[in-house]
mmCIF file of all heavy atoms, coordinates in Angstrom:
data_MODEL
# 
_entry.id   MODEL 
# 
loop_
_atom_site.group_PDB 
_atom_site.id 
_atom_site.type_symbol 
_atom_site.label_atom_id 
_atom_site.label_alt_id 
_atom_site.label_comp_id 
_atom_site.label_asym_id 
_atom_site.label_entity_id 
_atom_site.label_seq_id 
_atom_site.pdbx_PDB_ins_code 
_atom_site.Cartn_x 
_atom_site.Cartn_y 
_atom_site.Cartn_z 
_atom_site.occupancy 
_atom_site.B_iso_or_equiv 
_atom_site.pdbx_formal_charge 
_atom_site.auth_seq_id 
_atom_site.auth_comp_id 
_atom_site.auth_asym_id 
_atom_site.auth_atom_id 
_atom_site.pdbx_PDB_model_num 
ATOM 1   N N   . LYS A 1 1  ? 87.744  110.495 95.917  1.00 0.00 ? 1  LYS A N   1 
ATOM 2   C CA  . LYS A 1 1  ? 86.414  111.128 95.705  1.00 0.00 ? 1  LYS A CA  1 
ATOM 3   C C   . LYS A 1 1  ? 85.891  111.319 97.131  1.00 0.00 ? 1  LYS A C   1 
ATOM 4   O O   . LYS A 1 1  ? 85.727  110.229 97.912  1.00 0.00 ? 1  LYS A O   1 
ATOM 5   C CB  . LYS A 1 1  ? 85.468  110.404 94.846  1.00 0.00 ? 1  LYS A CB  1 
ATOM 6   C CG  . LYS A 1 1  ? 85.989  110.100 93.478  1.00 0.00 ? 1  LYS A CG  1 
ATOM 7   C CD  . LYS A 1 1  ? 86.168  111.343 92.613  1.00 0.00 ? 1  LYS A CD  1 
ATOM 8   C CE  . LYS A 1 1  ? 86.617  110.984 91.214  1.00 0.00 ? 1  LYS A CE  1 
ATOM 9   N NZ  . LYS A 1 1  ? 86.723  112.227 90.359  1.00 0.00 ? 1  LYS A NZ  1 
ATOM 10  N N   . PRO A 1 2  ? 85.289  112.434 97.589  1.00 0.00 ? 2  PRO A N   1 
ATOM 11  C CA  . PRO A 1 2  ? 84.564  112.603 98.790  1.00 0.00 ? 2  PRO A CA  1 
ATOM 12  C C   . PRO A 1 2  ? 83.240  111.904 98.798  1.00 0.00 ? 2  PRO A C   1 
ATOM 13  O O   . PRO A 1 2  ? 82.667  111.741 97.695  1.00 0.00 ? 2  PRO A O   1 
ATOM 14  C CB  . PRO A 1 2  ? 84.464  114.062 98.982  1.00 0.00 ? 2  PRO A CB  1 
ATOM 15  C CG  . PRO A 1 2  ? 84.506  114.638 97.591  1.00 0.00 ? 2  PRO A CG  1 
ATOM 16  C CD  . PRO A 1 2  ? 85.339  113.677 96.823  1.00 0.00 ? 2  PRO A CD  1 
ATOM 17  N N   . ASN A 1 3  ? 82.754  111.585 99.894  1.00 0.00 ? 3  ASN A N   1 
ATOM 18  C CA  . ASN A 1 3  ? 81.460  110.924 100.040 1.00 0.00 ? 3  ASN A CA  1 
ATOM 19  C C   . ASN A 1 3  ? 80.556  111.829 100.939 1.00 0.00 ? 3  ASN A C   1 
ATOM 20  O O   . ASN A 1 3  ? 80.920  112.162 102.088 1.00 0.00 ? 3  ASN A O   1 
ATOM 21  C CB  . ASN A 1 3  ? 81.522  109.540 100.676 1.00 0.00 ? 3  ASN A CB  1 
ATOM 22  C CG  . ASN A 1 3  ? 80.307  108.762 100.464 1.00 0.00 ? 3  ASN A CG  1 
ATOM 23  O OD1 . ASN A 1 3  ? 79.407  108.969 99.643  1.00 0.00 ? 3  ASN A OD1 1 
ATOM 24  N ND2 . ASN A 1 3  ? 80.152  107.685 101.285 1.00 0.00 ? 3  ASN A ND2 1 
ATOM 25  N N   . CYS A 1 4  ? 79.393  112.258 100.477 1.00 0.00 ? 4  CYS A N   1 
ATOM 26  C CA  . CYS A 1 4  ? 78.546  113.232 101.241 1.00 0.00 ? 4  CYS A CA  1 
ATOM 27  C C   . CYS A 1 4  ? 77.239  112.635 101.671 1.00 0.00 ? 4  CYS A C   1 
ATOM 28  O O   . CYS A 1 4  ? 76.654  111.717 100.979 1.00 0.00 ? 4  CYS A O   1 
ATOM 29  C CB  . CYS A 1 4  ? 78.343  114.471 100.351 1.00 0.00 ? 4  CYS A CB  1 
ATOM 30  S SG  . CYS A 1 4  ? 79.863  115.282 99.830  1.00 0.00 ? 4  CYS A SG  1 
ATOM 31  N N   . PHE A 1 5  ? 76.774  113.030 102.770 1.00 0.00 ? 5  PHE A N   1 
ATOM 32  C CA  . PHE A 1 5  ? 75.443  112.724 103.268 1.00 0.00 ? 5  PHE A CA  1 
ATOM 33  C C   . PHE A 1 5  ? 74.650  114.021 103.635 1.00 0.00 ? 5  PHE A C   1 
ATOM 34  O O   . PHE A 1 5  ? 75.204  114.871 104.280 1.00 0.00 ? 5  PHE A O   1 
ATOM 35  C CB  . PHE A 1 5  ? 75.574  111.848 104.529 1.00 0.00 ? 5  PHE A CB  1 
ATOM 36  C CG  . PHE A 1 5  ? 76.381  110.579 104.367 1.00 0.00 ? 5  PHE A CG  1 
ATOM 37  C CD1 . PHE A 1 5  ? 77.705  110.628 104.553 1.00 0.00 ? 5  PHE A CD1 1 
ATOM 38  C CD2 . PHE A 1 5  ? 75.747  109.434 103.890 1.00 0.00 ? 5  PHE A CD2 1 
ATOM 39  C CE1 . PHE A 1 5  ? 78.502  109.460 104.360 1.00 0.00 ? 5  PHE A CE1 1 
ATOM 40  C CE2 . PHE A 1 5  ? 76.538  108.235 103.685 1.00 0.00 ? 5  PHE A CE2 1 
ATOM 41  C CZ  . PHE A 1 5  ? 77.899  108.326 103.930 1.00 0.00 ? 5  PHE A CZ  1 
ATOM 42  N N   . SER A 1 6  ? 73.465  114.061 103.266 1.00 0.00 ? 6  SER A N   1 
ATOM 43  C CA  . SER A 1 6  ? 72.636  115.322 103.570 1.00 0.00 ? 6  SER A CA  1 
ATOM 44  C C   . SER A 1 6  ? 71.269  114.846 103.967 1.00 0.00 ? 6  SER A C   1 
ATOM 45  O O   . SER A 1 6  ? 70.623  114.019 103.286 1.00 0.00 ? 6  SER A O   1 
ATOM 46  C CB  . SER A 1 6  ? 72.598  116.172 102.309 1.00 0.00 ? 6  SER A CB  1 
ATOM 47  O OG  . SER A 1 6  ? 71.766  117.246 102.479 1.00 0.00 ? 6  SER A OG  1 
ATOM 48  N N   . GLY A 1 7  ? 70.697  115.437 105.090 1.00 0.00 ? 7  GLY A N   1 
ATOM 49  C CA  . GLY A 1 7  ? 69.422  115.041 105.548 1.00 0.00 ? 7  GLY A CA  1 
ATOM 50  C C   . GLY A 1 7  ? 68.872  116.049 106.508 1.00 0.00 ? 7  GLY A C   1 
ATOM 51  O O   . GLY A 1 7  ? 69.317  117.138 106.684 1.00 0.00 ? 7  GLY A O   1 
ATOM 52  N N   . ASP A 1 8  ? 67.841  115.597 107.285 1.00 0.00 ? 8  ASP A N   1 
ATOM 53  C CA  . ASP A 1 8  ? 67.236  116.490 108.202 1.00 0.00 ? 8  ASP A CA  1 
ATOM 54  C C   . ASP A 1 8  ? 68.129  117.021 109.299 1.00 0.00 ? 8  ASP A C   1 
ATOM 55  O O   . ASP A 1 8  ? 67.857  118.120 109.901 1.00 0.00 ? 8  ASP A O   1 
ATOM 56  C CB  . ASP A 1 8  ? 65.947  115.773 108.824 1.00 0.00 ? 8  ASP A CB  1 
ATOM 57  C CG  . ASP A 1 8  ? 64.886  115.512 107.818 1.00 0.00 ? 8  ASP A CG  1 
ATOM 58  O OD1 . ASP A 1 8  ? 64.853  116.208 106.773 1.00 0.00 ? 8  ASP A OD1 1 
ATOM 59  O OD2 . ASP A 1 8  ? 64.091  114.609 108.122 1.00 0.00 ? 8  ASP A OD2 1 
ATOM 60  N N   . HIS A 1 9  ? 69.157  116.316 109.549 1.00 0.00 ? 9  HIS A N   1 
ATOM 61  C CA  . HIS A 1 9  ? 70.036  116.634 110.693 1.00 0.00 ? 9  HIS A CA  1 
ATOM 62  C C   . HIS A 1 9  ? 71.347  117.229 110.194 1.00 0.00 ? 9  HIS A C   1 
ATOM 63  O O   . HIS A 1 9  ? 72.333  117.081 110.879 1.00 0.00 ? 9  HIS A O   1 
ATOM 64  C CB  . HIS A 1 9  ? 70.309  115.459 111.659 1.00 0.00 ? 9  HIS A CB  1 
ATOM 65  C CG  . HIS A 1 9  ? 69.045  114.968 112.338 1.00 0.00 ? 9  HIS A CG  1 
ATOM 66  N ND1 . HIS A 1 9  ? 68.505  115.787 113.292 1.00 0.00 ? 9  HIS A ND1 1 
ATOM 67  C CD2 . HIS A 1 9  ? 68.254  113.913 112.150 1.00 0.00 ? 9  HIS A CD2 1 
ATOM 68  C CE1 . HIS A 1 9  ? 67.387  115.169 113.757 1.00 0.00 ? 9  HIS A CE1 1 
ATOM 69  N NE2 . HIS A 1 9  ? 67.199  113.985 113.052 1.00 0.00 ? 9  HIS A NE2 1 
ATOM 70  N N   . GLY A 1 10 ? 71.263  117.857 109.037 1.00 0.00 ? 10 GLY A N   1 
ATOM 71  C CA  . GLY A 1 10 ? 72.506  118.569 108.526 1.00 0.00 ? 10 GLY A CA  1 
ATOM 72  C C   . GLY A 1 10 ? 73.258  117.806 107.458 1.00 0.00 ? 10 GLY A C   1 
ATOM 73  O O   . GLY A 1 10 ? 72.668  117.057 106.646 1.00 0.00 ? 10 GLY A O   1 
ATOM 74  N N   . ILE A 1 11 ? 74.558  117.964 107.387 1.00 0.00 ? 11 ILE A N   1 
ATOM 75  C CA  . ILE A 1 11 ? 75.338  117.325 106.409 1.00 0.00 ? 11 ILE A CA  1 
ATOM 76  C C   . ILE A 1 11 ? 76.627  116.723 107.051 1.00 0.00 ? 11 ILE A C   1 
ATOM 77  O O   . ILE A 1 11 ? 77.074  117.083 108.063 1.00 0.00 ? 11 ILE A O   1 
ATOM 78  C CB  . ILE A 1 11 ? 75.775  118.328 105.359 1.00 0.00 ? 11 ILE A CB  1 
ATOM 79  C CG1 . ILE A 1 11 ? 76.692  119.467 105.899 1.00 0.00 ? 11 ILE A CG1 1 
ATOM 80  C CG2 . ILE A 1 11 ? 74.601  118.976 104.611 1.00 0.00 ? 11 ILE A CG2 1 
ATOM 81  C CD1 . ILE A 1 11 ? 77.305  120.335 104.866 1.00 0.00 ? 11 ILE A CD1 1 
ATOM 82  N N   . SER A 1 12 ? 77.088  115.771 106.373 1.00 0.00 ? 12 SER A N   1 
ATOM 83  C CA  . SER A 1 12 ? 78.384  115.036 106.675 1.00 0.00 ? 12 SER A CA  1 
ATOM 84  C C   . SER A 1 12 ? 79.213  114.887 105.408 1.00 0.00 ? 12 SER A C   1 
ATOM 85  O O   . SER A 1 12 ? 78.657  114.593 104.392 1.00 0.00 ? 12 SER A O   1 
ATOM 86  C CB  . SER A 1 12 ? 78.113  113.697 107.396 1.00 0.00 ? 12 SER A CB  1 
ATOM 87  O OG  . SER A 1 12 ? 77.540  113.861 108.617 1.00 0.00 ? 12 SER A OG  1 
ATOM 88  N N   . LEU A 1 13 ? 80.467  114.961 105.584 1.00 0.00 ? 13 LEU A N   1 
ATOM 89  C CA  . LEU A 1 13 ? 81.398  114.801 104.541 1.00 0.00 ? 13 LEU A CA  1 
ATOM 90  C C   . LEU A 1 13 ? 82.520  113.773 104.914 1.00 0.00 ? 13 LEU A C   1 
ATOM 91  O O   . LEU A 1 13 ? 83.179  113.943 105.966 1.00 0.00 ? 13 LEU A O   1 
ATOM 92  C CB  . LEU A 1 13 ? 82.097  116.123 104.173 1.00 0.00 ? 13 LEU A CB  1 
ATOM 93  C CG  . LEU A 1 13 ? 83.186  116.056 103.135 1.00 0.00 ? 13 LEU A CG  1 
ATOM 94  C CD1 . LEU A 1 13 ? 82.666  115.824 101.722 1.00 0.00 ? 13 LEU A CD1 1 
ATOM 95  C CD2 . LEU A 1 13 ? 83.960  117.437 103.053 1.00 0.00 ? 13 LEU A CD2 1 
ATOM 96  N N   . GLU A 1 14 ? 82.719  112.688 104.108 1.00 0.00 ? 14 GLU A N   1 
ATOM 97  C CA  . GLU A 1 14 ? 83.741  111.795 104.357 1.00 0.00 ? 14 GLU A CA  1 
ATOM 98  C C   . GLU A 1 14 ? 84.803  111.981 103.263 1.00 0.00 ? 14 GLU A C   1 
ATOM 99  O O   . GLU A 1 14 ? 84.564  112.091 102.044 1.00 0.00 ? 14 GLU A O   1 
ATOM 100 C CB  . GLU A 1 14 ? 83.196  110.324 104.199 1.00 0.00 ? 14 GLU A CB  1 
ATOM 101 C CG  . GLU A 1 14 ? 82.398  109.949 105.432 1.00 0.00 ? 14 GLU A CG  1 
ATOM 102 C CD  . GLU A 1 14 ? 82.000  108.440 105.443 1.00 0.00 ? 14 GLU A CD  1 
ATOM 103 O OE1 . GLU A 1 14 ? 82.095  107.841 104.355 1.00 0.00 ? 14 GLU A OE1 1 
ATOM 104 O OE2 . GLU A 1 14 ? 81.548  107.904 106.506 1.00 0.00 ? 14 GLU A OE2 1 
ATOM 105 N N   . GLU A 1 15 ? 86.041  112.149 103.824 1.00 0.00 ? 15 GLU A N   1 
ATOM 106 C CA  . GLU A 1 15 ? 87.154  112.352 102.928 1.00 0.00 ? 15 GLU A CA  1 
ATOM 107 C C   . GLU A 1 15 ? 88.273  111.279 103.176 1.00 0.00 ? 15 GLU A C   1 
ATOM 108 O O   . GLU A 1 15 ? 88.322  110.702 104.293 1.00 0.00 ? 15 GLU A O   1 
ATOM 109 C CB  . GLU A 1 15 ? 87.735  113.738 102.990 1.00 0.00 ? 15 GLU A CB  1 
ATOM 110 C CG  . GLU A 1 15 ? 86.757  114.819 102.566 1.00 0.00 ? 15 GLU A CG  1 
ATOM 111 C CD  . GLU A 1 15 ? 87.336  116.177 102.583 1.00 0.00 ? 15 GLU A CD  1 
ATOM 112 O OE1 . GLU A 1 15 ? 87.391  116.754 103.726 1.00 0.00 ? 15 GLU A OE1 1 
ATOM 113 O OE2 . GLU A 1 15 ? 87.730  116.635 101.609 1.00 0.00 ? 15 GLU A OE2 1 
ATOM 114 N N   . GLN A 1 16 ? 89.130  111.036 102.130 1.00 0.00 ? 16 GLN A N   1 
ATOM 115 C CA  . GLN A 1 16 ? 90.161  110.108 102.245 1.00 0.00 ? 16 GLN A CA  1 
ATOM 116 C C   . GLN A 1 16 ? 91.406  110.766 102.643 1.00 0.00 ? 16 GLN A C   1 
ATOM 117 O O   . GLN A 1 16 ? 92.051  111.570 101.925 1.00 0.00 ? 16 GLN A O   1 
ATOM 118 C CB  . GLN A 1 16 ? 90.326  109.383 100.936 1.00 0.00 ? 16 GLN A CB  1 
ATOM 119 C CG  . GLN A 1 16 ? 89.126  108.469 100.557 1.00 0.00 ? 16 GLN A CG  1 
ATOM 120 C CD  . GLN A 1 16 ? 89.189  108.001 99.090  1.00 0.00 ? 16 GLN A CD  1 
ATOM 121 O OE1 . GLN A 1 16 ? 89.017  108.834 98.258  1.00 0.00 ? 16 GLN A OE1 1 
ATOM 122 N NE2 . GLN A 1 16 ? 89.434  106.691 98.934  1.00 0.00 ? 16 GLN A NE2 1 
ATOM 123 N N   . ALA A 1 17 ? 91.889  110.503 103.850 1.00 0.00 ? 17 ALA A N   1 
ATOM 124 C CA  . ALA A 1 17 ? 93.009  111.206 104.483 1.00 0.00 ? 17 ALA A CA  1 
ATOM 125 C C   . ALA A 1 17 ? 94.286  110.298 104.464 1.00 0.00 ? 17 ALA A C   1 
ATOM 126 O O   . ALA A 1 17 ? 94.104  109.103 104.430 1.00 0.00 ? 17 ALA A O   1 
ATOM 127 C CB  . ALA A 1 17 ? 92.735  111.621 105.875 1.00 0.00 ? 17 ALA A CB  1 
ATOM 128 N N   . PRO A 1 18 ? 95.530  110.862 104.387 1.00 0.00 ? 18 PRO A N   1 
ATOM 129 C CA  . PRO A 1 18 ? 96.699  110.030 104.411 1.00 0.00 ? 18 PRO A CA  1 
ATOM 130 C C   . PRO A 1 18 ? 96.965  109.384 105.809 1.00 0.00 ? 18 PRO A C   1 
ATOM 131 O O   . PRO A 1 18 ? 96.406  109.891 106.809 1.00 0.00 ? 18 PRO A O   1 
ATOM 132 C CB  . PRO A 1 18 ? 97.820  111.070 104.090 1.00 0.00 ? 18 PRO A CB  1 
ATOM 133 C CG  . PRO A 1 18 ? 97.214  112.365 104.541 1.00 0.00 ? 18 PRO A CG  1 
ATOM 134 C CD  . PRO A 1 18 ? 95.763  112.253 104.296 1.00 0.00 ? 18 PRO A CD  1 
ATOM 135 N N   . PHE A 1 19 ? 97.730  108.391 105.792 1.00 0.00 ? 19 PHE A N   1 
ATOM 136 C CA  . PHE A 1 19 ? 98.228  107.728 107.023 1.00 0.00 ? 19 PHE A CA  1 
ATOM 137 C C   . PHE A 1 19 ? 99.373  108.460 107.622 1.00 0.00 ? 19 PHE A C   1 
ATOM 138 O O   . PHE A 1 19 ? 99.586  108.614 108.779 1.00 0.00 ? 19 PHE A O   1 
ATOM 139 C CB  . PHE A 1 19 ? 98.677  106.267 106.804 1.00 0.00 ? 19 PHE A CB  1 
ATOM 140 C CG  . PHE A 1 19 ? 97.448  105.318 106.892 1.00 0.00 ? 19 PHE A CG  1 
ATOM 141 C CD1 . PHE A 1 19 ? 96.620  105.148 105.740 1.00 0.00 ? 19 PHE A CD1 1 
ATOM 142 C CD2 . PHE A 1 19 ? 97.111  104.627 107.967 1.00 0.00 ? 19 PHE A CD2 1 
ATOM 143 C CE1 . PHE A 1 19 ? 95.504  104.296 105.866 1.00 0.00 ? 19 PHE A CE1 1 
ATOM 144 C CE2 . PHE A 1 19 ? 96.051  103.763 108.124 1.00 0.00 ? 19 PHE A CE2 1 
ATOM 145 C CZ  . PHE A 1 19 ? 95.242  103.565 107.092 1.00 0.00 ? 19 PHE A CZ  1 
ATOM 146 N N   . GLY A 1 20 ? 100.365 108.871 106.724 1.00 0.00 ? 20 GLY A N   1 
ATOM 147 C CA  . GLY A 1 20 ? 101.630 109.516 107.240 1.00 0.00 ? 20 GLY A CA  1 
ATOM 148 C C   . GLY A 1 20 ? 102.780 108.943 106.502 1.00 0.00 ? 20 GLY A C   1 
ATOM 149 O O   . GLY A 1 20 ? 102.858 108.969 105.311 1.00 0.00 ? 20 GLY A O   1 
ATOM 150 N N   . VAL A 1 21 ? 103.697 108.385 107.230 1.00 0.00 ? 21 VAL A N   1 
ATOM 151 C CA  . VAL A 1 21 ? 104.874 107.653 106.564 1.00 0.00 ? 21 VAL A CA  1 
ATOM 152 C C   . VAL A 1 21 ? 104.578 106.237 106.387 1.00 0.00 ? 21 VAL A C   1 
ATOM 153 O O   . VAL A 1 21 ? 104.116 105.467 107.167 1.00 0.00 ? 21 VAL A O   1 
ATOM 154 C CB  . VAL A 1 21 ? 106.119 107.770 107.537 1.00 0.00 ? 21 VAL A CB  1 
ATOM 155 C CG1 . VAL A 1 21 ? 107.316 107.069 106.825 1.00 0.00 ? 21 VAL A CG1 1 
ATOM 156 C CG2 . VAL A 1 21 ? 106.447 109.206 107.762 1.00 0.00 ? 21 VAL A CG2 1 
ATOM 157 N N   . ILE A 1 22 ? 104.651 105.805 105.020 1.00 0.00 ? 22 ILE A N   1 
ATOM 158 C CA  . ILE A 1 22 ? 104.373 104.394 104.715 1.00 0.00 ? 22 ILE A CA  1 
ATOM 159 C C   . ILE A 1 22 ? 105.701 103.734 104.390 1.00 0.00 ? 22 ILE A C   1 
ATOM 160 O O   . ILE A 1 22 ? 106.590 104.213 103.741 1.00 0.00 ? 22 ILE A O   1 
ATOM 161 C CB  . ILE A 1 22 ? 103.561 104.305 103.433 1.00 0.00 ? 22 ILE A CB  1 
ATOM 162 C CG1 . ILE A 1 22 ? 102.146 104.980 103.662 1.00 0.00 ? 22 ILE A CG1 1 
ATOM 163 C CG2 . ILE A 1 22 ? 103.353 102.826 102.954 1.00 0.00 ? 22 ILE A CG2 1 
ATOM 164 C CD1 . ILE A 1 22 ? 101.254 104.946 102.403 1.00 0.00 ? 22 ILE A CD1 1 
ATOM 165 N N   . GLY A 1 23 ? 105.909 102.540 105.108 1.00 0.00 ? 23 GLY A N   1 
ATOM 166 C CA  . GLY A 1 23 ? 107.024 101.683 104.791 1.00 0.00 ? 23 GLY A CA  1 
ATOM 167 C C   . GLY A 1 23 ? 106.776 100.766 103.746 1.00 0.00 ? 23 GLY A C   1 
ATOM 168 O O   . GLY A 1 23 ? 105.699 100.034 103.687 1.00 0.00 ? 23 GLY A O   1 
ATOM 169 N N   . ALA A 1 24 ? 107.609 100.667 102.662 1.00 0.00 ? 24 ALA A N   1 
ATOM 170 C CA  . ALA A 1 24 ? 107.359 99.807  101.442 1.00 0.00 ? 24 ALA A CA  1 
ATOM 171 C C   . ALA A 1 24 ? 108.486 98.936  101.102 1.00 0.00 ? 24 ALA A C   1 
ATOM 172 O O   . ALA A 1 24 ? 109.579 99.425  101.208 1.00 0.00 ? 24 ALA A O   1 
ATOM 173 C CB  . ALA A 1 24 ? 107.004 100.712 100.258 1.00 0.00 ? 24 ALA A CB  1 
ATOM 174 N N   . ILE A 1 25 ? 108.138 97.726  100.802 1.00 0.00 ? 25 ILE A N   1 
ATOM 175 C CA  . ILE A 1 25 ? 109.263 96.770  100.347 1.00 0.00 ? 25 ILE A CA  1 
ATOM 176 C C   . ILE A 1 25 ? 108.954 96.474  98.842  1.00 0.00 ? 25 ILE A C   1 
ATOM 177 O O   . ILE A 1 25 ? 107.870 96.272  98.485  1.00 0.00 ? 25 ILE A O   1 
ATOM 178 C CB  . ILE A 1 25 ? 109.021 95.423  101.130 1.00 0.00 ? 25 ILE A CB  1 
ATOM 179 C CG1 . ILE A 1 25 ? 109.106 95.681  102.601 1.00 0.00 ? 25 ILE A CG1 1 
ATOM 180 C CG2 . ILE A 1 25 ? 110.172 94.459  100.619 1.00 0.00 ? 25 ILE A CG2 1 
ATOM 181 C CD1 . ILE A 1 25 ? 110.425 96.260  103.200 1.00 0.00 ? 25 ILE A CD1 1 
ATOM 182 N N   . THR A 1 26 ? 110.008 96.587  98.023  1.00 0.00 ? 26 THR A N   1 
ATOM 183 C CA  . THR A 1 26 ? 109.934 96.331  96.564  1.00 0.00 ? 26 THR A CA  1 
ATOM 184 C C   . THR A 1 26 ? 110.713 95.131  96.193  1.00 0.00 ? 26 THR A C   1 
ATOM 185 O O   . THR A 1 26 ? 111.689 94.765  96.806  1.00 0.00 ? 26 THR A O   1 
ATOM 186 C CB  . THR A 1 26 ? 110.444 97.601  95.812  1.00 0.00 ? 26 THR A CB  1 
ATOM 187 O OG1 . THR A 1 26 ? 111.721 97.884  96.234  1.00 0.00 ? 26 THR A OG1 1 
ATOM 188 C CG2 . THR A 1 26 ? 109.511 98.739  96.134  1.00 0.00 ? 26 THR A CG2 1 
ATOM 189 N N   . PRO A 1 27 ? 110.231 94.435  95.147  1.00 0.00 ? 27 PRO A N   1 
ATOM 190 C CA  . PRO A 1 27 ? 110.845 93.178  94.719  1.00 0.00 ? 27 PRO A CA  1 
ATOM 191 C C   . PRO A 1 27 ? 111.918 93.381  93.694  1.00 0.00 ? 27 PRO A C   1 
ATOM 192 O O   . PRO A 1 27 ? 111.971 94.365  93.062  1.00 0.00 ? 27 PRO A O   1 
ATOM 193 C CB  . PRO A 1 27 ? 109.653 92.412  94.150  1.00 0.00 ? 27 PRO A CB  1 
ATOM 194 C CG  . PRO A 1 27 ? 108.843 93.530  93.460  1.00 0.00 ? 27 PRO A CG  1 
ATOM 195 C CD  . PRO A 1 27 ? 109.037 94.706  94.370  1.00 0.00 ? 27 PRO A CD  1 
ATOM 196 N N   . VAL A 1 28 ? 112.726 92.365  93.501  1.00 0.00 ? 28 VAL A N   1 
ATOM 197 C CA  . VAL A 1 28 ? 113.752 92.355  92.510  1.00 0.00 ? 28 VAL A CA  1 
ATOM 198 C C   . VAL A 1 28 ? 113.159 92.218  91.119  1.00 0.00 ? 28 VAL A C   1 
ATOM 199 O O   . VAL A 1 28 ? 113.755 92.783  90.132  1.00 0.00 ? 28 VAL A O   1 
ATOM 200 C CB  . VAL A 1 28 ? 114.884 91.269  92.805  1.00 0.00 ? 28 VAL A CB  1 
ATOM 201 C CG1 . VAL A 1 28 ? 114.251 89.963  92.607  1.00 0.00 ? 28 VAL A CG1 1 
ATOM 202 C CG2 . VAL A 1 28 ? 116.055 91.488  91.783  1.00 0.00 ? 28 VAL A CG2 1 
ATOM 203 N N   . THR A 1 29 ? 112.012 91.677  90.980  1.00 0.00 ? 29 THR A N   1 
ATOM 204 C CA  . THR A 1 29 ? 111.421 91.400  89.679  1.00 0.00 ? 29 THR A CA  1 
ATOM 205 C C   . THR A 1 29 ? 110.977 92.683  89.014  1.00 0.00 ? 29 THR A C   1 
ATOM 206 O O   . THR A 1 29 ? 111.010 92.775  87.773  1.00 0.00 ? 29 THR A O   1 
ATOM 207 C CB  . THR A 1 29 ? 110.177 90.460  89.863  1.00 0.00 ? 29 THR A CB  1 
ATOM 208 O OG1 . THR A 1 29 ? 109.416 90.960  90.873  1.00 0.00 ? 29 THR A OG1 1 
ATOM 209 C CG2 . THR A 1 29 ? 110.576 89.067  90.189  1.00 0.00 ? 29 THR A CG2 1 
ATOM 210 N N   . HIS A 1 30 ? 110.580 93.654  89.735  1.00 0.00 ? 30 HIS A N   1 
ATOM 211 C CA  . HIS A 1 30 ? 110.144 94.979  89.155  1.00 0.00 ? 30 HIS A CA  1 
ATOM 212 C C   . HIS A 1 30 ? 110.551 96.099  90.119  1.00 0.00 ? 30 HIS A C   1 
ATOM 213 O O   . HIS A 1 30 ? 109.760 96.736  90.733  1.00 0.00 ? 30 HIS A O   1 
ATOM 214 C CB  . HIS A 1 30 ? 108.678 95.038  88.971  1.00 0.00 ? 30 HIS A CB  1 
ATOM 215 C CG  . HIS A 1 30 ? 108.028 93.727  88.618  1.00 0.00 ? 30 HIS A CG  1 
ATOM 216 N ND1 . HIS A 1 30 ? 108.103 93.078  87.464  1.00 0.00 ? 30 HIS A ND1 1 
ATOM 217 C CD2 . HIS A 1 30 ? 107.223 92.931  89.419  1.00 0.00 ? 30 HIS A CD2 1 
ATOM 218 C CE1 . HIS A 1 30 ? 107.505 91.997  87.432  1.00 0.00 ? 30 HIS A CE1 1 
ATOM 219 N NE2 . HIS A 1 30 ? 106.927 91.822  88.656  1.00 0.00 ? 30 HIS A NE2 1 
# 
């Protein structure tokens, strides 16, 4: 979900961006 700010000095939008390549380790249990 984006997060928005609006006021006398305009608007700002915060968004959730990816990191890129993620390295993941998985267990034998699942």
